[in-house]
PDB file of all heavy atoms in Angstrom:
ATOM      1  N   PRO A   1       3.785 -25.698 -53.411  1.00  0.00           N
ATOM      2  CA  PRO A   1       3.637 -24.845 -54.494  1.00  0.00           C
ATOM      3  C   PRO A   1       4.405 -23.496 -54.245  1.00  0.00           C
ATOM      4  O   PRO A   1       4.257 -22.850 -53.089  1.00  0.00           O
ATOM      5  CB  PRO A   1       2.174 -24.541 -54.726  1.00  0.00           C
ATOM      6  CG  PRO A   1       1.411 -25.405 -53.803  1.00  0.00           C
ATOM      7  CD  PRO A   1       2.376 -25.962 -52.765  1.00  0.00           C
ATOM      8  N   THR A   2       5.137 -22.998 -55.192  1.00  0.00           N
ATOM      9  CA  THR A   2       5.841 -21.826 -55.098  1.00  0.00           C
ATOM     10  C   THR A   2       5.599 -20.904 -56.207  1.00  0.00           C
ATOM     11  O   THR A   2       5.455 -21.410 -57.392  1.00  0.00           O
ATOM     12  CB  THR A   2       7.359 -21.992 -54.977  1.00  0.00           C
ATOM     13  OG1 THR A   2       7.674 -22.963 -53.953  1.00  0.00           O
ATOM     14  CG2 THR A   2       8.115 -20.814 -54.802  1.00  0.00           C
ATOM     15  N   LEU A   3       5.391 -19.658 -56.022  1.00  0.00           N
ATOM     16  CA  LEU A   3       5.189 -18.646 -57.095  1.00  0.00           C
ATOM     17  C   LEU A   3       6.336 -17.686 -57.134  1.00  0.00           C
ATOM     18  O   LEU A   3       6.642 -17.004 -56.087  1.00  0.00           O
ATOM     19  CB  LEU A   3       3.923 -17.815 -56.876  1.00  0.00           C
ATOM     20  CG  LEU A   3       3.627 -16.607 -57.741  1.00  0.00           C
ATOM     21  CD1 LEU A   3       3.475 -17.141 -59.191  1.00  0.00           C
ATOM     22  CD2 LEU A   3       2.412 -15.883 -57.339  1.00  0.00           C
ATOM     23  N   LYS A   4       6.972 -17.636 -58.190  1.00  0.00           N
ATOM     24  CA  LYS A   4       8.082 -16.658 -58.426  1.00  0.00           C
ATOM     25  C   LYS A   4       7.726 -15.939 -59.782  1.00  0.00           C
ATOM     26  O   LYS A   4       7.760 -16.489 -60.848  1.00  0.00           O
ATOM     27  CB  LYS A   4       9.354 -17.356 -58.533  1.00  0.00           C
ATOM     28  CG  LYS A   4      10.559 -16.358 -58.636  1.00  0.00           C
ATOM     29  CD  LYS A   4      11.893 -17.083 -58.485  1.00  0.00           C
ATOM     30  CE  LYS A   4      12.990 -16.108 -58.574  1.00  0.00           C
ATOM     31  NZ  LYS A   4      14.342 -16.801 -58.515  1.00  0.00           N
ATOM     32  N   ALA A   5       7.480 -14.633 -59.627  1.00  0.00           N
ATOM     33  CA  ALA A   5       7.008 -13.894 -60.840  1.00  0.00           C
ATOM     34  C   ALA A   5       8.188 -13.464 -61.706  1.00  0.00           C
ATOM     35  O   ALA A   5       9.252 -13.155 -61.264  1.00  0.00           O
ATOM     36  CB  ALA A   5       6.261 -12.624 -60.337  1.00  0.00           C
ATOM     37  N   PRO A   6       7.971 -13.466 -63.038  1.00  0.00           N
ATOM     38  CA  PRO A   6       9.005 -13.057 -63.941  1.00  0.00           C
ATOM     39  C   PRO A   6       9.201 -11.525 -63.914  1.00  0.00           C
ATOM     40  O   PRO A   6       8.383 -10.843 -63.440  1.00  0.00           O
ATOM     41  CB  PRO A   6       8.436 -13.437 -65.396  1.00  0.00           C
ATOM     42  CG  PRO A   6       7.027 -13.459 -65.108  1.00  0.00           C
ATOM     43  CD  PRO A   6       6.785 -13.891 -63.725  1.00  0.00           C
ATOM     44  N   LEU A   7      10.327 -11.060 -64.433  1.00  0.00           N
ATOM     45  CA  LEU A   7      10.665  -9.628 -64.472  1.00  0.00           C
ATOM     46  C   LEU A   7      10.448  -9.159 -65.856  1.00  0.00           C
ATOM     47  O   LEU A   7      11.308  -8.332 -66.348  1.00  0.00           O
ATOM     48  CB  LEU A   7      12.033  -9.395 -63.951  1.00  0.00           C
ATOM     49  CG  LEU A   7      12.159  -9.470 -62.472  1.00  0.00           C
ATOM     50  CD1 LEU A   7      13.661  -9.320 -61.970  1.00  0.00           C
ATOM     51  CD2 LEU A   7      11.284  -8.498 -61.698  1.00  0.00           C
ATOM     52  N   THR A   8       9.418  -9.618 -66.512  1.00  0.00           N
ATOM     53  CA  THR A   8       9.045  -9.079 -67.878  1.00  0.00           C
ATOM     54  C   THR A   8       7.717  -8.463 -67.749  1.00  0.00           C
ATOM     55  O   THR A   8       6.739  -9.081 -67.243  1.00  0.00           O
ATOM     56  CB  THR A   8       9.079 -10.148 -68.875  1.00  0.00           C
ATOM     57  OG1 THR A   8      10.317 -10.847 -68.885  1.00  0.00           O
ATOM     58  CG2 THR A   8       8.736  -9.669 -70.312  1.00  0.00           C
ATOM     59  N   ALA A   9       7.422  -7.256 -68.218  1.00  0.00           N
ATOM     60  CA  ALA A   9       6.286  -6.620 -68.013  1.00  0.00           C
ATOM     61  C   ALA A   9       5.193  -7.014 -69.053  1.00  0.00           C
ATOM     62  O   ALA A   9       5.523  -7.405 -70.261  1.00  0.00           O
ATOM     63  CB  ALA A   9       6.398  -5.026 -68.178  1.00  0.00           C
ATOM     64  N   ASN A  10       3.985  -7.062 -68.728  1.00  0.00           N
ATOM     65  CA  ASN A  10       2.899  -7.124 -69.752  1.00  0.00           C
ATOM     66  C   ASN A  10       2.792  -5.833 -70.502  1.00  0.00           C
ATOM     67  O   ASN A  10       2.712  -4.768 -69.963  1.00  0.00           O
ATOM     68  CB  ASN A  10       1.515  -7.391 -68.900  1.00  0.00           C
ATOM     69  CG  ASN A  10       0.377  -7.535 -69.814  1.00  0.00           C
ATOM     70  OD1 ASN A  10       0.335  -7.013 -70.948  1.00  0.00           O
ATOM     71  ND2 ASN A  10      -0.647  -8.184 -69.294  1.00  0.00           N
ATOM     72  N   PRO A  11       2.962  -5.965 -71.847  1.00  0.00           N
ATOM     73  CA  PRO A  11       3.008  -4.744 -72.645  1.00  0.00           C
ATOM     74  C   PRO A  11       1.755  -3.914 -72.641  1.00  0.00           C
ATOM     75  O   PRO A  11       1.716  -2.791 -73.049  1.00  0.00           O
ATOM     76  CB  PRO A  11       3.259  -5.265 -74.052  1.00  0.00           C
ATOM     77  CG  PRO A  11       2.937  -6.719 -74.048  1.00  0.00           C
ATOM     78  CD  PRO A  11       3.004  -7.208 -72.654  1.00  0.00           C
ATOM     79  N   THR A  12       0.654  -4.383 -71.988  1.00  0.00           N
ATOM     80  CA  THR A  12      -0.665  -3.614 -71.893  1.00  0.00           C
ATOM     81  C   THR A  12      -0.658  -2.987 -70.532  1.00  0.00           C
ATOM     82  O   THR A  12      -1.605  -2.205 -70.239  1.00  0.00           O
ATOM     83  CB  THR A  12      -1.825  -4.496 -72.069  1.00  0.00           C
ATOM     84  OG1 THR A  12      -1.931  -5.483 -71.110  1.00  0.00           O
ATOM     85  CG2 THR A  12      -1.849  -5.156 -73.512  1.00  0.00           C
ATOM     86  N   ALA A  13       0.326  -3.199 -69.647  1.00  0.00           N
ATOM     87  CA  ALA A  13       0.331  -2.633 -68.275  1.00  0.00           C
ATOM     88  C   ALA A  13       0.325  -1.081 -68.375  1.00  0.00           C
ATOM     89  O   ALA A  13       1.091  -0.562 -69.156  1.00  0.00           O
ATOM     90  CB  ALA A  13       1.498  -3.141 -67.465  1.00  0.00           C
ATOM     91  N   LYS A  14      -0.447  -0.401 -67.558  1.00  0.00           N
ATOM     92  CA  LYS A  14      -0.528   1.001 -67.423  1.00  0.00           C
ATOM     93  C   LYS A  14       0.071   1.354 -66.104  1.00  0.00           C
ATOM     94  O   LYS A  14      -0.392   0.926 -65.082  1.00  0.00           O
ATOM     95  CB  LYS A  14      -1.889   1.580 -67.565  1.00  0.00           C
ATOM     96  CG  LYS A  14      -2.550   1.297 -69.014  1.00  0.00           C
ATOM     97  CD  LYS A  14      -3.882   1.903 -69.160  1.00  0.00           C
ATOM     98  CE  LYS A  14      -4.295   1.631 -70.581  1.00  0.00           C
ATOM     99  NZ  LYS A  14      -5.737   1.844 -70.701  1.00  0.00           N
ATOM    100  N   VAL A  15       1.169   2.192 -66.155  1.00  0.00           N
ATOM    101  CA  VAL A  15       1.908   2.522 -65.016  1.00  0.00           C
ATOM    102  C   VAL A  15       1.883   3.966 -64.710  1.00  0.00           C
ATOM    103  O   VAL A  15       1.948   4.831 -65.611  1.00  0.00           O
ATOM    104  CB  VAL A  15       3.313   2.151 -65.126  1.00  0.00           C
ATOM    105  CG1 VAL A  15       4.227   2.548 -63.932  1.00  0.00           C
ATOM    106  CG2 VAL A  15       3.481   0.617 -65.405  1.00  0.00           C
ATOM    107  N   GLY A  16       1.525   4.444 -63.475  1.00  0.00           N
ATOM    108  CA  GLY A  16       1.581   5.774 -63.043  1.00  0.00           C
ATOM    109  C   GLY A  16       2.877   6.034 -62.258  1.00  0.00           C
ATOM    110  O   GLY A  16       3.206   5.183 -61.494  1.00  0.00           O
ATOM    111  N   ILE A  17       3.524   7.144 -62.510  1.00  0.00           N
ATOM    112  CA  ILE A  17       4.664   7.529 -61.709  1.00  0.00           C
ATOM    113  C   ILE A  17       4.377   8.948 -61.125  1.00  0.00           C
ATOM    114  O   ILE A  17       4.139   9.937 -61.865  1.00  0.00           O
ATOM    115  CB  ILE A  17       5.987   7.582 -62.502  1.00  0.00           C
ATOM    116  CG1 ILE A  17       6.199   6.233 -63.086  1.00  0.00           C
ATOM    117  CG2 ILE A  17       7.123   7.947 -61.547  1.00  0.00           C
ATOM    118  CD1 ILE A  17       7.503   6.190 -63.979  1.00  0.00           C
ATOM    119  N   VAL A  18       4.276   9.024 -59.763  1.00  0.00           N
ATOM    120  CA  VAL A  18       4.002  10.330 -59.156  1.00  0.00           C
ATOM    121  C   VAL A  18       5.435  10.783 -58.655  1.00  0.00           C
ATOM    122  O   VAL A  18       6.048   9.991 -57.888  1.00  0.00           O
ATOM    123  CB  VAL A  18       3.021  10.196 -58.011  1.00  0.00           C
ATOM    124  CG1 VAL A  18       2.695  11.581 -57.411  1.00  0.00           C
ATOM    125  CG2 VAL A  18       1.785   9.595 -58.510  1.00  0.00           C
ATOM    126  N   VAL A  19       5.843  12.059 -58.973  1.00  0.00           N
ATOM    127  CA  VAL A  19       7.154  12.428 -58.586  1.00  0.00           C
ATOM    128  C   VAL A  19       7.111  13.792 -57.957  1.00  0.00           C
ATOM    129  O   VAL A  19       6.442  14.717 -58.373  1.00  0.00           O
ATOM    130  CB  VAL A  19       8.024  12.701 -59.930  1.00  0.00           C
ATOM    131  CG1 VAL A  19       9.512  12.852 -59.636  1.00  0.00           C
ATOM    132  CG2 VAL A  19       7.873  11.477 -60.888  1.00  0.00           C
ATOM    133  N   SER A  20       7.940  13.857 -56.843  1.00  0.00           N
ATOM    134  CA  SER A  20       7.979  15.197 -56.042  1.00  0.00           C
ATOM    135  C   SER A  20       8.943  16.118 -56.780  1.00  0.00           C
ATOM    136  O   SER A  20      10.126  15.768 -57.232  1.00  0.00           O
ATOM    137  CB  SER A  20       8.454  14.811 -54.725  1.00  0.00           C
ATOM    138  OG  SER A  20       8.780  16.024 -54.005  1.00  0.00           O
ATOM    139  N   ARG A  21       8.556  17.392 -56.985  1.00  0.00           N
ATOM    140  CA  ARG A  21       9.497  18.414 -57.493  1.00  0.00           C
ATOM    141  C   ARG A  21      10.435  18.871 -56.490  1.00  0.00           C
ATOM    142  O   ARG A  21      11.558  19.328 -56.838  1.00  0.00           O
ATOM    143  CB  ARG A  21       8.638  19.623 -57.928  1.00  0.00           C
ATOM    144  CG  ARG A  21       8.071  19.543 -59.336  1.00  0.00           C
ATOM    145  CD  ARG A  21       7.695  20.911 -59.923  1.00  0.00           C
ATOM    146  NE  ARG A  21       7.190  21.848 -58.999  1.00  0.00           N
ATOM    147  CZ  ARG A  21       5.817  22.005 -58.598  1.00  0.00           C
ATOM    148  NH1 ARG A  21       4.973  21.217 -59.155  1.00  0.00           N
ATOM    149  NH2 ARG A  21       5.472  22.906 -57.753  1.00  0.00           N
ATOM    150  N   PHE A  22      10.126  18.716 -55.180  1.00  0.00           N
ATOM    151  CA  PHE A  22      11.125  19.140 -54.198  1.00  0.00           C
ATOM    152  C   PHE A  22      12.271  18.273 -54.272  1.00  0.00           C
ATOM    153  O   PHE A  22      12.194  16.956 -54.436  1.00  0.00           O
ATOM    154  CB  PHE A  22      10.384  18.944 -52.772  1.00  0.00           C
ATOM    155  CG  PHE A  22      11.159  19.841 -51.661  1.00  0.00           C
ATOM    156  CD1 PHE A  22      10.926  21.153 -51.554  1.00  0.00           C
ATOM    157  CD2 PHE A  22      11.991  19.155 -50.777  1.00  0.00           C
ATOM    158  CE1 PHE A  22      11.667  21.874 -50.569  1.00  0.00           C
ATOM    159  CE2 PHE A  22      12.678  19.872 -49.857  1.00  0.00           C
ATOM    160  CZ  PHE A  22      12.511  21.245 -49.740  1.00  0.00           C
ATOM    161  N   ASN A  23      13.478  18.782 -54.230  1.00  0.00           N
ATOM    162  CA  ASN A  23      14.730  17.995 -54.391  1.00  0.00           C
ATOM    163  C   ASN A  23      14.803  17.462 -55.865  1.00  0.00           C
ATOM    164  O   ASN A  23      15.187  16.321 -56.052  1.00  0.00           O
ATOM    165  CB  ASN A  23      15.011  16.954 -53.452  1.00  0.00           C
ATOM    166  CG  ASN A  23      15.308  17.606 -52.077  1.00  0.00           C
ATOM    167  OD1 ASN A  23      16.039  18.541 -51.930  1.00  0.00           O
ATOM    168  ND2 ASN A  23      14.724  17.003 -51.003  1.00  0.00           N
ATOM    169  N   GLU A  24      14.331  18.284 -56.791  1.00  0.00           N
ATOM    170  CA  GLU A  24      14.218  17.823 -58.193  1.00  0.00           C
ATOM    171  C   GLU A  24      15.515  17.362 -58.841  1.00  0.00           C
ATOM    172  O   GLU A  24      15.585  16.613 -59.647  1.00  0.00           O
ATOM    173  CB  GLU A  24      13.580  18.902 -59.046  1.00  0.00           C
ATOM    174  CG  GLU A  24      13.217  18.512 -60.475  1.00  0.00           C
ATOM    175  CD  GLU A  24      12.456  19.607 -61.137  1.00  0.00           C
ATOM    176  OE1 GLU A  24      12.048  20.604 -60.612  1.00  0.00           O
ATOM    177  OE2 GLU A  24      12.222  19.325 -62.383  1.00  0.00           O
ATOM    178  N   LEU A  25      16.608  17.920 -58.308  1.00  0.00           N
ATOM    179  CA  LEU A  25      17.983  17.383 -58.801  1.00  0.00           C
ATOM    180  C   LEU A  25      18.071  15.909 -58.655  1.00  0.00           C
ATOM    181  O   LEU A  25      18.662  15.224 -59.393  1.00  0.00           O
ATOM    182  CB  LEU A  25      19.080  18.070 -57.984  1.00  0.00           C
ATOM    183  CG  LEU A  25      20.407  17.625 -58.293  1.00  0.00           C
ATOM    184  CD1 LEU A  25      20.938  17.945 -59.679  1.00  0.00           C
ATOM    185  CD2 LEU A  25      21.465  18.290 -57.226  1.00  0.00           C
ATOM    186  N   VAL A  26      17.533  15.391 -57.554  1.00  0.00           N
ATOM    187  CA  VAL A  26      17.496  13.974 -57.298  1.00  0.00           C
ATOM    188  C   VAL A  26      16.341  13.247 -57.940  1.00  0.00           C
ATOM    189  O   VAL A  26      16.596  12.216 -58.559  1.00  0.00           O
ATOM    190  CB  VAL A  26      17.465  13.721 -55.774  1.00  0.00           C
ATOM    191  CG1 VAL A  26      17.448  12.224 -55.390  1.00  0.00           C
ATOM    192  CG2 VAL A  26      18.730  14.309 -55.069  1.00  0.00           C
ATOM    193  N   THR A  27      15.208  13.827 -57.816  1.00  0.00           N
ATOM    194  CA  THR A  27      13.983  13.023 -58.241  1.00  0.00           C
ATOM    195  C   THR A  27      13.930  12.919 -59.797  1.00  0.00           C
ATOM    196  O   THR A  27      13.377  11.964 -60.243  1.00  0.00           O
ATOM    197  CB  THR A  27      12.662  13.717 -57.697  1.00  0.00           C
ATOM    198  OG1 THR A  27      12.511  15.062 -58.182  1.00  0.00           O
ATOM    199  CG2 THR A  27      12.683  13.725 -56.238  1.00  0.00           C
ATOM    200  N   GLU A  28      14.535  13.858 -60.476  1.00  0.00           N
ATOM    201  CA  GLU A  28      14.517  13.722 -61.921  1.00  0.00           C
ATOM    202  C   GLU A  28      15.356  12.594 -62.410  1.00  0.00           C
ATOM    203  O   GLU A  28      15.161  11.803 -63.332  1.00  0.00           O
ATOM    204  CB  GLU A  28      14.957  15.008 -62.680  1.00  0.00           C
ATOM    205  CG  GLU A  28      16.463  15.447 -62.385  1.00  0.00           C
ATOM    206  CD  GLU A  28      16.738  16.716 -63.051  1.00  0.00           C
ATOM    207  OE1 GLU A  28      15.938  17.393 -63.627  1.00  0.00           O
ATOM    208  OE2 GLU A  28      17.948  17.111 -62.824  1.00  0.00           O
ATOM    209  N   LYS A  29      16.464  12.174 -61.566  1.00  0.00           N
ATOM    210  CA  LYS A  29      17.343  11.055 -61.874  1.00  0.00           C
ATOM    211  C   LYS A  29      16.578   9.780 -61.444  1.00  0.00           C
ATOM    212  O   LYS A  29      16.647   8.752 -62.188  1.00  0.00           O
ATOM    213  CB  LYS A  29      18.630  11.175 -61.046  1.00  0.00           C
ATOM    214  CG  LYS A  29      19.480  12.314 -61.436  1.00  0.00           C
ATOM    215  CD  LYS A  29      20.686  12.427 -60.636  1.00  0.00           C
ATOM    216  CE  LYS A  29      21.562  13.701 -60.820  1.00  0.00           C
ATOM    217  NZ  LYS A  29      21.854  14.050 -62.143  1.00  0.00           N
ATOM    218  N   LEU A  30      15.832   9.828 -60.386  1.00  0.00           N
ATOM    219  CA  LEU A  30      15.024   8.675 -60.036  1.00  0.00           C
ATOM    220  C   LEU A  30      13.947   8.359 -61.047  1.00  0.00           C
ATOM    221  O   LEU A  30      13.796   7.171 -61.549  1.00  0.00           O
ATOM    222  CB  LEU A  30      14.280   8.884 -58.690  1.00  0.00           C
ATOM    223  CG  LEU A  30      15.085   8.982 -57.382  1.00  0.00           C
ATOM    224  CD1 LEU A  30      14.268   9.420 -56.244  1.00  0.00           C
ATOM    225  CD2 LEU A  30      15.976   7.756 -57.120  1.00  0.00           C
ATOM    226  N   LEU A  31      13.328   9.375 -61.558  1.00  0.00           N
ATOM    227  CA  LEU A  31      12.364   9.240 -62.696  1.00  0.00           C
ATOM    228  C   LEU A  31      13.081   8.629 -63.942  1.00  0.00           C
ATOM    229  O   LEU A  31      12.485   7.713 -64.546  1.00  0.00           O
ATOM    230  CB  LEU A  31      11.670  10.517 -63.022  1.00  0.00           C
ATOM    231  CG  LEU A  31      10.731  10.596 -64.149  1.00  0.00           C
ATOM    232  CD1 LEU A  31       9.514   9.611 -63.909  1.00  0.00           C
ATOM    233  CD2 LEU A  31      10.240  11.966 -64.485  1.00  0.00           C
ATOM    234  N   ALA A  32      14.115   9.161 -64.345  1.00  0.00           N
ATOM    235  CA  ALA A  32      14.800   8.603 -65.479  1.00  0.00           C
ATOM    236  C   ALA A  32      15.201   7.195 -65.277  1.00  0.00           C
ATOM    237  O   ALA A  32      14.992   6.337 -66.245  1.00  0.00           O
ATOM    238  CB  ALA A  32      16.102   9.411 -65.804  1.00  0.00           C
ATOM    239  N   GLY A  33      15.606   6.787 -64.101  1.00  0.00           N
ATOM    240  CA  GLY A  33      15.852   5.349 -63.920  1.00  0.00           C
ATOM    241  C   GLY A  33      14.674   4.498 -63.946  1.00  0.00           C
ATOM    242  O   GLY A  33      14.650   3.295 -64.496  1.00  0.00           O
ATOM    243  N   ALA A  34      13.545   5.018 -63.400  1.00  0.00           N
ATOM    244  CA  ALA A  34      12.326   4.239 -63.411  1.00  0.00           C
ATOM    245  C   ALA A  34      11.783   4.043 -64.839  1.00  0.00           C
ATOM    246  O   ALA A  34      11.443   2.914 -65.227  1.00  0.00           O
ATOM    247  CB  ALA A  34      11.343   4.918 -62.489  1.00  0.00           C
ATOM    248  N   VAL A  35      11.700   5.125 -65.624  1.00  0.00           N
ATOM    249  CA  VAL A  35      11.193   5.091 -66.910  1.00  0.00           C
ATOM    250  C   VAL A  35      12.037   4.053 -67.781  1.00  0.00           C
ATOM    251  O   VAL A  35      11.561   3.327 -68.503  1.00  0.00           O
ATOM    252  CB  VAL A  35      11.032   6.436 -67.585  1.00  0.00           C
ATOM    253  CG1 VAL A  35      10.748   6.392 -68.983  1.00  0.00           C
ATOM    254  CG2 VAL A  35       9.950   7.284 -66.816  1.00  0.00           C
ATOM    255  N   ASP A  36      13.412   4.272 -67.744  1.00  0.00           N
ATOM    256  CA  ASP A  36      14.283   3.464 -68.609  1.00  0.00           C
ATOM    257  C   ASP A  36      14.047   1.969 -68.184  1.00  0.00           C
ATOM    258  O   ASP A  36      13.991   1.161 -69.104  1.00  0.00           O
ATOM    259  CB  ASP A  36      15.736   3.856 -68.261  1.00  0.00           C
ATOM    260  CG  ASP A  36      16.648   2.979 -69.031  1.00  0.00           C
ATOM    261  OD1 ASP A  36      16.702   3.018 -70.273  1.00  0.00           O
ATOM    262  OD2 ASP A  36      17.517   2.258 -68.368  1.00  0.00           O
ATOM    263  N   THR A  37      13.949   1.651 -66.888  1.00  0.00           N
ATOM    264  CA  THR A  37      13.768   0.305 -66.542  1.00  0.00           C
ATOM    265  C   THR A  37      12.476  -0.289 -66.932  1.00  0.00           C
ATOM    266  O   THR A  37      12.293  -1.458 -67.502  1.00  0.00           O
ATOM    267  CB  THR A  37      13.903   0.149 -64.990  1.00  0.00           C
ATOM    268  OG1 THR A  37      15.300   0.561 -64.649  1.00  0.00           O
ATOM    269  CG2 THR A  37      13.812  -1.330 -64.542  1.00  0.00           C
TER     270      THR A  37
END
């Protein structure tokens, strides 16, 4: 048996994103990429 999970989110999933302000020039771009995805 093999398990391969799909890349479609459950629409009820609750996601937290913790972001560092230090080097915000970079982390704001990481955040934008994560939220968009």
